Protein backbone atom coordinates (compact mmCIF):
# COMPACT_ATOMS: atom_id res chain seq x y z
CA MET A 1 -43.89 -38.63 -1.38
CA ASP A 2 -43.83 -38.77 -5.03
CA ILE A 3 -44.84 -35.28 -5.31
CA VAL A 4 -42.18 -34.09 -2.95
CA LYS A 5 -39.58 -36.32 -4.64
CA LYS A 6 -40.77 -34.57 -8.17
CA ILE A 7 -40.38 -31.24 -6.46
CA THR A 8 -36.82 -31.76 -5.30
CA CYS A 9 -35.97 -33.23 -8.64
CA LEU A 10 -37.09 -30.14 -10.26
CA LEU A 11 -35.21 -27.97 -7.93
CA TRP A 12 -32.00 -29.51 -8.61
CA ILE A 13 -32.37 -29.49 -12.18
CA LEU A 14 -33.47 -25.79 -12.07
CA ALA A 15 -30.09 -25.38 -9.44
CA VAL A 16 -27.83 -27.04 -12.16
CA LEU A 17 -29.10 -24.88 -14.82
CA LEU A 18 -28.48 -21.75 -12.73
CA VAL A 19 -24.84 -22.76 -11.65
CA ALA A 20 -23.89 -24.60 -14.85
CA PRO A 21 -23.30 -21.45 -16.87
CA PRO A 22 -21.29 -19.29 -14.92
CA LEU A 23 -19.13 -22.30 -13.89
CA LEU A 24 -18.40 -23.37 -17.29
CA ARG A 25 -17.44 -19.46 -17.95
CA SER A 26 -14.77 -19.68 -15.19
CA PHE A 27 -13.07 -22.35 -17.01
CA GLY A 28 -13.18 -20.49 -20.25
CA LEU A 29 -15.94 -22.56 -21.91
CA LYS A 30 -19.11 -21.18 -23.68
CA PRO A 31 -22.33 -23.22 -22.58
CA LYS A 32 -23.57 -23.39 -26.11
CA ASP A 33 -20.46 -25.15 -27.33
CA VAL A 34 -20.70 -27.66 -24.45
CA VAL A 35 -24.38 -28.18 -24.99
CA ASP A 36 -23.77 -28.70 -28.84
CA ALA A 37 -20.76 -31.05 -27.98
CA LEU A 38 -23.06 -33.39 -25.68
CA PHE A 39 -26.26 -33.37 -27.77
CA THR A 40 -25.72 -33.09 -31.49
CA ASP A 41 -24.10 -35.86 -33.52
CA LYS A 42 -21.47 -34.73 -35.50
CA ASN A 43 -19.16 -36.55 -37.90
CA ARG A 44 -15.90 -37.31 -35.72
CA PRO A 45 -12.67 -38.42 -37.57
CA SER A 46 -12.02 -42.09 -36.79
CA ALA A 47 -9.03 -43.22 -35.10
CA ALA A 48 -8.90 -46.60 -37.20
CA LEU A 49 -6.02 -46.86 -39.71
CA GLN A 50 -7.49 -46.76 -43.08
CA LYS A 51 -5.77 -49.00 -45.61
CA PRO A 52 -4.51 -46.40 -48.72
CA ALA A 53 -5.76 -47.60 -51.92
CA GLN A 54 -3.35 -49.25 -53.99
CA PRO A 55 -2.32 -48.02 -57.37
CA GLN A 56 -3.83 -49.05 -60.72
CA VAL A 57 -1.31 -51.19 -62.70
CA ILE A 58 -2.16 -50.03 -66.03
CA PRO A 59 -1.27 -53.43 -68.74
CA GLY A 60 2.06 -52.85 -70.52
CA GLU A 61 3.07 -50.32 -68.00
CA GLN A 62 6.43 -50.86 -66.04
CA ILE A 63 6.67 -49.75 -62.43
CA PRO A 64 9.70 -48.12 -61.70
CA PRO A 65 12.20 -49.74 -59.29
CA ASN A 66 11.95 -46.51 -56.78
CA LYS A 67 8.01 -47.10 -56.51
CA SER A 68 6.35 -49.75 -54.35
CA VAL A 69 2.73 -50.54 -54.27
CA SER A 70 2.96 -51.74 -50.60
CA VAL A 71 0.73 -50.34 -48.32
CA ARG A 72 3.54 -48.30 -46.26
CA GLY A 73 5.36 -47.12 -49.59
CA ARG A 74 3.61 -43.77 -49.80
CA ALA A 75 3.86 -43.05 -46.29
CA GLN A 76 7.76 -43.54 -45.99
CA GLU A 77 8.07 -40.66 -48.65
CA LEU A 78 5.87 -38.29 -46.89
CA ARG A 79 7.36 -39.08 -43.22
CA PRO A 80 10.45 -39.74 -41.88
CA ASP A 81 11.02 -43.70 -40.45
CA ILE A 82 10.56 -43.24 -36.58
CA SER A 83 10.80 -46.93 -36.13
CA VAL A 84 14.54 -46.27 -35.20
CA PRO A 85 15.07 -43.86 -32.40
CA PRO A 86 18.03 -41.01 -32.45
CA SER A 87 21.06 -41.81 -31.04
CA ALA A 88 21.81 -40.31 -27.48
CA GLU A 89 24.35 -37.69 -28.67
CA GLU A 90 21.83 -36.28 -31.00
CA SER A 91 19.31 -35.99 -28.08
CA ALA A 92 21.59 -34.50 -25.89
CA VAL A 93 22.75 -31.86 -28.51
CA GLN A 94 18.94 -31.26 -28.86
CA ALA A 95 18.24 -30.52 -25.56
CA GLU A 96 21.26 -28.38 -24.75
CA THR A 97 19.96 -26.19 -27.70
CA GLU A 98 16.43 -25.88 -26.53
CA MET A 99 17.68 -24.94 -22.76
CA ASP A 100 20.29 -22.41 -24.07
CA GLN A 101 17.12 -20.67 -26.32
CA ALA A 102 14.85 -20.84 -23.47
CA ALA A 103 17.39 -19.36 -20.93
CA LYS A 104 18.13 -16.40 -23.20
CA GLN A 105 14.14 -15.66 -23.77
CA ASP A 106 14.04 -15.90 -19.68
CA GLN A 107 16.81 -13.51 -19.52
CA LYS A 108 15.61 -11.00 -21.90
CA ALA A 109 12.22 -10.91 -20.36
CA PHE A 110 13.76 -10.27 -16.76
CA ASN A 111 16.09 -7.47 -18.23
CA GLN A 112 12.86 -5.93 -19.69
CA MET A 113 10.94 -6.23 -16.46
CA ILE A 114 13.85 -4.53 -14.26
CA ALA A 115 14.86 -1.80 -17.04
CA GLY A 116 16.84 0.80 -15.24
CA LEU A 117 17.12 -1.22 -11.90
CA GLU A 118 20.09 -3.38 -12.96
CA ASN A 119 22.66 -0.82 -11.84
CA ILE A 120 21.37 -0.37 -8.16
CA ALA A 121 24.23 -3.25 -7.12
CA SER A 122 26.83 -0.88 -8.02
CA VAL A 123 25.57 1.87 -5.75
CA ALA A 124 24.60 -0.11 -2.66
CA PRO A 125 27.01 -0.61 0.20
CA LYS A 126 29.41 -3.32 0.01
CA ASN A 127 29.85 -5.82 2.71
CA GLY A 128 27.99 -4.00 5.59
CA ALA A 129 30.33 -1.40 5.35
CA ALA A 130 28.34 1.77 5.31
CA PRO A 131 26.87 3.09 8.69
CA LYS A 132 23.27 2.74 9.51
CA ASP A 133 21.15 5.95 9.27
CA ALA A 134 20.80 7.33 12.81
CA LEU A 135 18.83 10.38 11.81
CA GLU A 136 15.21 10.92 11.90
CA GLY A 137 14.18 10.33 8.15
CA LEU A 138 11.04 12.64 6.87
CA PRO A 139 8.92 10.79 4.95
CA VAL A 140 7.82 11.46 1.56
CA GLN A 141 4.49 12.08 0.07
CA ALA A 142 3.02 8.47 -1.17
CA HIS A 143 2.91 7.88 -4.75
CA ARG A 144 -1.03 7.90 -5.51
CA PRO A 145 -2.03 7.73 -9.18
CA ALA A 146 -5.34 8.50 -10.18
CA ASP A 147 -5.78 5.13 -11.40
CA SER A 148 -4.45 3.35 -8.25
CA ALA A 149 -7.32 0.97 -8.15
CA LYS A 150 -6.03 -0.67 -10.97
CA LYS A 151 -3.23 -2.50 -9.46
CA VAL A 152 -0.15 -3.40 -11.05
CA ARG A 153 2.49 -6.67 -10.71
CA TRP A 154 5.53 -6.62 -8.69
CA SER A 155 8.94 -6.49 -10.34
CA PRO A 156 11.43 -9.02 -9.42
CA PRO A 157 13.82 -8.45 -7.01
CA PRO A 158 16.75 -6.22 -8.45
CA PRO A 159 20.12 -7.67 -8.22
CA GLY A 160 21.74 -7.61 -4.72
CA PHE A 161 18.40 -8.28 -3.03
CA LEU A 162 17.26 -11.46 -0.90
CA THR A 163 13.66 -12.49 -0.27
CA ASP A 164 11.13 -13.86 1.94
CA GLU A 165 7.59 -13.58 2.72
CA THR A 166 5.14 -13.59 5.47
CA PHE A 167 1.38 -14.14 5.05
CA ASN A 168 0.85 -10.19 4.91
CA TYR A 169 3.75 -9.41 3.16
CA LEU A 170 6.79 -10.24 0.32
CA ILE A 171 9.98 -8.60 1.26
CA TYR A 172 12.96 -7.84 -0.51
CA ARG A 173 16.11 -6.99 1.90
CA GLU A 174 19.45 -5.45 0.18
CA GLU A 175 22.59 -7.86 0.62
CA HIS A 176 21.36 -9.32 3.58
CA PRO A 177 18.69 -12.25 4.24
CA VAL A 178 15.33 -11.28 5.70
CA THR A 179 15.85 -12.28 9.38
CA PRO A 180 12.81 -13.84 11.58
CA THR A 181 12.84 -10.16 13.70
CA ILE A 182 11.98 -8.09 10.62
CA LYS A 183 9.17 -10.61 9.71
CA THR A 184 7.81 -10.48 12.96
CA THR A 185 8.09 -6.53 13.42
CA LEU A 186 6.25 -6.17 10.01
CA ASP A 187 3.28 -8.88 11.30
CA THR A 188 3.35 -6.64 14.64
CA ILE A 189 2.84 -3.28 12.55
CA HIS A 190 0.14 -4.94 10.73
CA GLY A 191 -1.55 -6.17 13.84
CA ASN A 192 -1.81 -3.00 15.24
CA LEU A 193 -2.67 -1.08 12.28
CA MET A 194 -5.65 -3.54 11.82
CA LEU A 195 -7.12 -2.55 14.84
CA ASP A 196 -6.37 1.20 15.28
CA LEU A 197 -7.80 1.67 11.75
CA THR A 198 -10.86 -0.93 12.38
CA PRO A 199 -13.43 1.26 10.89
CA PHE A 200 -11.52 1.37 7.58
CA THR A 201 -9.68 -2.03 7.42
CA ILE A 202 -13.03 -3.88 8.61
CA LEU A 203 -14.61 -2.86 5.32
CA ILE A 204 -11.94 -3.32 2.75
CA LYS A 205 -9.10 -5.90 3.78
CA PRO A 206 -5.64 -4.63 2.57
CA ASN A 207 -3.99 -6.35 0.03
CA LYS A 208 -0.56 -8.36 0.31
CA ILE A 209 2.41 -5.57 0.28
CA LEU A 210 5.72 -5.59 -1.10
CA VAL A 211 8.36 -4.38 1.33
CA MET A 212 11.69 -3.09 -0.24
CA ILE A 213 14.36 -2.74 2.60
CA PHE A 214 17.24 -0.68 1.69
CA GLY A 215 20.67 -1.20 3.04
CA GLY A 216 21.61 2.97 3.04
CA LYS A 217 20.16 6.40 1.46
CA ASP A 218 22.15 6.23 -1.31
CA SER A 219 20.74 2.79 -2.86
CA TYR A 220 17.50 4.13 -1.73
CA GLY A 221 17.57 7.23 -3.36
CA ALA A 222 18.96 5.97 -6.66
CA PHE A 223 16.20 3.54 -6.79
CA THR A 224 13.34 5.78 -5.73
CA LYS A 225 14.51 9.28 -7.33
CA LEU A 226 13.24 10.65 -4.15
CA PRO A 227 14.54 13.71 -2.52
CA PRO A 228 17.41 13.62 -0.05
CA TRP A 229 15.14 14.32 3.03
CA SER A 230 12.92 11.34 2.08
CA GLY A 231 13.64 7.93 4.50
CA ALA A 232 10.47 6.00 3.33
CA ALA A 233 7.76 6.02 0.58
CA SER A 234 5.11 4.03 -0.65
CA ASP A 235 3.32 3.25 -3.77
CA LEU A 236 -0.34 2.90 -3.46
CA ARG A 237 -0.85 1.25 -7.05
CA ALA A 238 1.55 -1.29 -6.62
CA ASP A 239 0.92 -1.80 -2.78
CA THR A 240 4.61 -1.39 -2.16
CA MET A 241 6.55 0.19 0.53
CA TYR A 242 10.23 1.40 -0.05
CA VAL A 243 12.01 2.00 3.34
CA VAL A 244 15.80 2.55 4.52
CA GLU A 245 17.30 0.23 7.15
CA GLY A 246 18.26 1.80 10.36
CA LYS A 247 16.94 3.45 13.50
CA SER A 248 13.83 5.03 11.77
CA PHE A 249 12.83 1.59 9.96
CA TYR A 250 9.97 1.03 12.60
CA PRO A 251 8.39 4.51 12.54
CA LEU A 252 8.47 5.01 9.15
CA SER A 253 7.35 2.00 8.29
CA VAL A 254 4.39 2.34 10.39
CA HIS A 255 3.87 5.83 8.58
CA GLU A 256 4.05 4.36 5.06
CA LEU A 257 1.82 1.06 5.79
CA THR A 258 -0.74 3.48 6.86
CA HIS A 259 -0.79 5.15 3.70
CA LEU A 260 -1.44 1.97 2.00
CA TYR A 261 -4.03 0.54 4.65
CA PHE A 262 -6.05 4.05 4.95
CA ASP A 263 -5.83 5.28 1.54
CA GLY A 264 -7.01 1.82 0.16
CA TYR A 265 -10.41 2.80 1.84
CA PHE A 266 -11.13 5.73 -0.42
CA LEU A 267 -10.32 3.57 -3.65
CA PRO A 268 -11.03 4.56 -6.27
CA THR A 269 -11.10 7.92 -5.26
CA ILE A 270 -7.96 9.54 -3.94
CA SER A 271 -8.17 10.71 -0.31
CA PRO A 272 -6.61 14.30 0.03
CA LEU A 273 -2.93 14.73 0.51
CA TRP A 274 -3.13 16.54 3.95
CA LEU A 275 -5.57 13.92 5.36
CA SER A 276 -3.92 10.89 4.27
CA GLU A 277 -0.17 12.63 5.49
CA GLY A 278 -1.78 13.60 9.01
CA MET A 279 -3.42 10.41 9.70
CA ALA A 280 0.24 8.64 8.65
CA VAL A 281 1.99 10.67 11.08
CA TYR A 282 -0.53 10.40 13.54
CA MET A 283 -0.44 6.57 13.44
CA GLN A 284 3.29 6.66 13.57
CA ILE A 285 3.36 8.80 16.83
CA HIS A 286 0.77 7.17 18.47
CA THR A 287 1.88 3.71 17.43
CA THR A 288 5.55 4.21 18.41
CA LYS A 289 4.88 6.53 21.50
CA GLN A 290 7.62 8.78 20.64
CA LYS A 291 7.76 12.41 18.35
CA PRO A 292 10.22 12.89 15.92
CA SER A 293 12.32 16.16 16.62
CA TRP A 294 10.99 17.59 13.63
CA VAL A 295 7.62 17.50 14.84
CA ASP A 296 8.58 19.68 18.38
CA ARG A 297 10.35 22.07 16.15
CA SER A 298 7.49 22.70 14.14
CA MET A 299 4.94 22.35 16.77
CA LYS A 300 6.83 25.49 18.31
CA ARG A 301 6.78 27.40 15.03
CA ILE A 302 2.62 26.73 14.92
CA LEU A 303 2.17 27.83 18.69
CA ALA A 304 3.75 31.00 17.68
CA GLY A 305 1.34 31.45 14.66
CA ASP A 306 3.64 30.58 11.95
CA ILE A 307 1.19 28.60 10.06
CA ILE A 308 0.18 27.37 6.52
CA PRO A 309 -3.10 28.69 5.67
CA LEU A 310 -5.42 25.43 5.82
CA GLU A 311 -6.76 26.84 2.06
CA ASN A 312 -3.18 26.24 1.14
CA LEU A 313 -2.55 23.12 3.15
CA THR A 314 -5.82 21.36 1.83
CA ALA A 315 -4.97 22.35 -1.80
CA THR A 316 -1.62 21.15 -1.71
CA ALA A 317 -1.08 18.13 -4.10
CA ASP A 318 3.03 17.87 -4.23
CA LEU A 319 5.63 18.30 -1.87
CA ASN A 320 8.47 17.40 -3.71
CA SER A 321 9.64 21.26 -4.52
CA TYR A 322 9.20 21.88 -0.75
CA SER A 323 12.31 22.36 1.68
CA THR A 324 13.29 20.68 4.52
CA PRO A 325 11.82 23.09 6.63
CA GLN A 326 8.89 23.75 4.88
CA ALA A 327 8.08 20.09 4.61
CA GLU A 328 8.39 19.62 8.43
CA LEU A 329 5.80 22.49 8.87
CA TRP A 330 3.42 21.02 6.46
CA TYR A 331 3.88 17.65 7.95
CA THR A 332 3.39 18.70 11.32
CA GLN A 333 0.30 21.01 10.64
CA ALA A 334 -1.56 18.23 8.86
CA TYR A 335 -0.85 15.92 11.82
CA SER A 336 -1.83 18.39 14.49
CA LEU A 337 -5.32 18.89 12.31
CA VAL A 338 -6.00 15.08 12.15
CA GLU A 339 -5.17 14.65 15.86
CA TYR A 340 -7.89 17.55 16.33
CA LEU A 341 -10.43 15.97 14.11
CA LEU A 342 -9.99 12.46 15.87
CA THR A 343 -9.27 13.30 19.67
CA LYS A 344 -11.21 16.37 20.17
CA ARG A 345 -14.28 15.37 18.37
CA THR A 346 -16.01 11.92 18.18
CA ARG A 347 -14.49 8.85 16.08
CA ASP A 348 -17.90 8.64 14.67
CA GLU A 349 -17.99 12.16 13.31
CA PHE A 350 -14.32 11.68 11.81
CA TYR A 351 -15.52 8.72 10.04
CA LYS A 352 -18.52 10.21 8.67
CA PHE A 353 -15.92 12.83 7.32
CA CYS A 354 -13.76 10.43 5.52
CA ASN A 355 -17.19 8.86 3.82
CA GLU A 356 -18.25 12.31 2.78
CA LEU A 357 -14.71 12.60 1.09
CA LYS A 358 -14.76 9.62 -0.42
CA ALA A 359 -17.96 10.33 -2.19
CA LYS A 360 -16.32 13.27 -3.50
CA THR A 361 -17.79 15.86 -1.47
CA PRO A 362 -16.21 19.17 -1.26
CA LEU A 363 -14.28 19.88 1.96
CA HIS A 364 -16.47 22.48 3.49
CA GLN A 365 -19.87 20.69 2.80
CA ALA A 366 -18.16 17.64 4.26
CA LEU A 367 -17.24 19.34 7.45
CA TYR A 368 -20.41 20.48 7.94
CA ARG A 369 -22.10 17.13 7.26
CA ALA A 370 -19.74 15.35 9.44
CA TYR A 371 -19.36 17.85 12.45
CA GLY A 372 -22.17 20.15 12.21
CA MET A 373 -22.01 24.02 13.42
CA PRO A 374 -19.85 26.03 13.23
CA PHE A 375 -17.63 24.23 10.54
CA THR A 376 -19.40 25.73 7.55
CA LYS A 377 -15.96 27.24 6.54
CA VAL A 378 -12.43 25.83 6.31
CA SER A 379 -11.45 28.93 7.87
CA VAL A 380 -13.64 28.49 11.02
CA LEU A 381 -12.04 25.10 11.18
CA GLU A 382 -8.57 26.69 11.14
CA ASN A 383 -9.80 29.20 13.79
CA VAL A 384 -11.13 26.69 16.26
CA TRP A 385 -7.93 24.57 15.90
CA LEU A 386 -5.44 27.21 16.44
CA HIS A 387 -7.44 28.67 19.39
CA ASP A 388 -7.44 24.99 21.16
CA LEU A 389 -4.09 24.31 20.17
CA GLN A 390 -2.94 27.42 21.97
CA LYS A 391 -5.45 27.20 24.86
CA ALA A 392 -3.65 23.35 25.45
CA TYR A 393 -0.15 24.96 25.59
CA LYS A 394 -1.02 27.60 27.91
CA GLU A 395 -2.20 25.22 30.34
CA GLY A 396 0.51 22.71 30.06
CA LYS A 397 -0.87 20.03 28.25
CA LEU A 398 1.49 19.98 25.43
CA ALA A 399 4.74 20.97 27.40
CA ALA A 400 4.61 17.62 29.24
CA SER A 401 5.35 15.68 26.13
CA ALA A 402 8.03 17.69 24.96
CA PRO A 403 10.81 17.46 27.69
CA LYS A 404 10.66 13.31 27.09
CA GLU A 405 11.08 13.66 23.56
CA ALA A 406 13.99 16.18 23.77
CA VAL A 407 16.33 13.85 26.43
CA VAL A 408 16.07 11.22 23.52
CA PRO A 409 18.03 12.45 20.55
CA GLY A 410 20.28 14.61 22.70
CA THR A 411 20.51 17.34 20.02
CA GLY A 412 21.37 21.07 20.28
CA LYS A 413 17.93 22.35 19.02
CA PRO A 414 15.66 20.20 21.44
CA SER A 415 17.85 21.72 24.42
CA LYS A 416 16.94 25.06 23.39
CA ILE A 417 13.10 24.64 23.48
CA ARG A 418 13.66 23.44 27.08
CA PRO A 419 14.13 26.82 28.95
CA HIS A 420 10.66 27.89 27.76
CA GLU A 421 8.98 25.04 28.30
CA SER A 422 10.84 23.88 31.52
CA PRO A 423 9.45 26.28 34.16
CA GLN A 424 5.85 24.77 34.02
CA PRO A 425 6.88 20.80 34.36
CA LYS A 426 9.72 20.68 36.16
CA PRO A 427 9.06 22.24 39.90
CA ALA A 428 6.66 20.33 41.13
CA ALA A 429 6.01 22.41 44.14
CA VAL A 430 5.66 25.35 42.27
CA ARG A 431 2.93 24.21 40.43
CA PRO A 432 0.32 24.45 42.98
CA ALA A 433 1.24 27.92 44.26
CA ALA A 434 1.30 29.11 40.79
CA GLN A 435 -2.28 27.29 39.89
CA SER A 436 -3.89 29.69 42.26
CA PRO A 437 -3.83 32.88 40.59
CA LYS A 438 -4.40 31.09 37.20
CA PRO A 439 -8.06 30.73 37.58
CA THR A 440 -8.35 34.44 38.59
CA ARG A 441 -6.27 35.33 35.29
CA LYS A 442 -8.46 33.18 33.10
CA PRO A 443 -11.41 34.28 31.55
CA GLN A 444 -14.35 31.98 32.55
CA PRO A 445 -16.27 32.85 29.14
CA GLN A 446 -13.61 31.33 27.42
CA LYS A 447 -14.22 27.94 29.01
CA THR A 448 -17.91 28.04 28.48
CA GLN A 449 -17.35 28.82 24.65
CA ILE A 450 -15.20 25.97 24.12
CA LYS A 451 -17.72 23.64 26.03
CA LYS A 452 -20.39 25.20 23.78
CA LEU A 453 -18.12 24.32 20.76
CA GLU A 454 -17.81 20.65 21.76
CA MET A 455 -21.56 20.25 22.99
CA VAL A 456 -23.04 21.82 19.82
CA PRO A 457 -25.86 19.58 18.05
CA THR A 458 -24.50 18.04 14.99
CA ASN A 459 -26.22 15.88 12.47
CA GLY A 460 -27.09 12.68 13.80
CA TYR A 461 -24.97 9.94 12.57
CA THR A 462 -26.43 6.35 13.08
CA GLY A 463 -23.37 4.57 12.35
CA GLY A 464 -20.60 3.46 14.16
CA PHE A 465 -17.33 1.24 14.40
């Protein structure tokens, strides 16, 4: 038992020696200084009051009346008499002076932190008179600087904003208090995204996010300096989302929060813009179960062959110079491409593809390593994606969702799309008769080709979700 006790003591000593240095450094102390203070015997100043030496009196010399030979005589000359406390008026004036100086310093620091933002209240809607935006806002590309991994501090709320917070969000709302409904909605979005993006959020937990809710597009545009077609934006470096309050609040919040959650997985690498925006639009549609009207308009152009070449799409790094129709087409094509990679292929392959891009692998090599043959070039992905998309449209798989989405907005443009798509889904009795000649018209090799593309053996990936 003595040996066991000795070994136990030795192990405890070793544990203390290993744990103590980093623990001391965490408190800002150097281990060497602590050891010197404990084991070295240094002369420390004594706290005992020493009696000052009395001046020597020379015989025949007269001592001036203003000088005293008492013990406290010299001390009174060097320091004021503190035995009498200051009056109440003097202490009050001194306290007010110190408070004024502190208030001026705080106001100066606050003005420096929100420099350029103090005029937001002048353009904000007064008394809630501004109408809510009923139009479907088009999201703007996320602000993702190269040093997004180096997070910055949040700025205080601008004038006219009220604040509240949840476990996952700090919320600034313009002119109105943050209601429990807003907090519940944001927490619901957080829970859905954490589940839907589990392969990416399970490894890297998202940070707490600042959400700024603007009362109208005027104050939003004046604050963010973004194009007029933008309805929401996000800043990856600051972990901040900017969104306009209105009917598009929920889908646009899903879109921008997807940027912060999905793009945060790639840090310190910046994910490709088409992948980031395509995933954000996909999650927006997948979560809300609704497609914006601009997706239907642009999808019709894509099916007609009016597309952006994938070489140009994947090389795009800035959308601020795009017009509204160009931005709608770009977003829709990126969404359709991500949807194809997620649904027509396996999610394991998509996860492997994202890991390759995170490792800064070139796009064509990442495609081949994740999906295998025949995806050796970006042009091959473009041909296969467009072929499958047009084939699904001819089979009526894309026309089923279009009428439901066209009824919701009730605008004139979606109604023009109905005549082209209505003969396929509307007459239920005509479909069986129309399906009988279709198998004869459809060439059988097309089906076998698609099956071969889907069943081609790829590089084995042992990972998973």
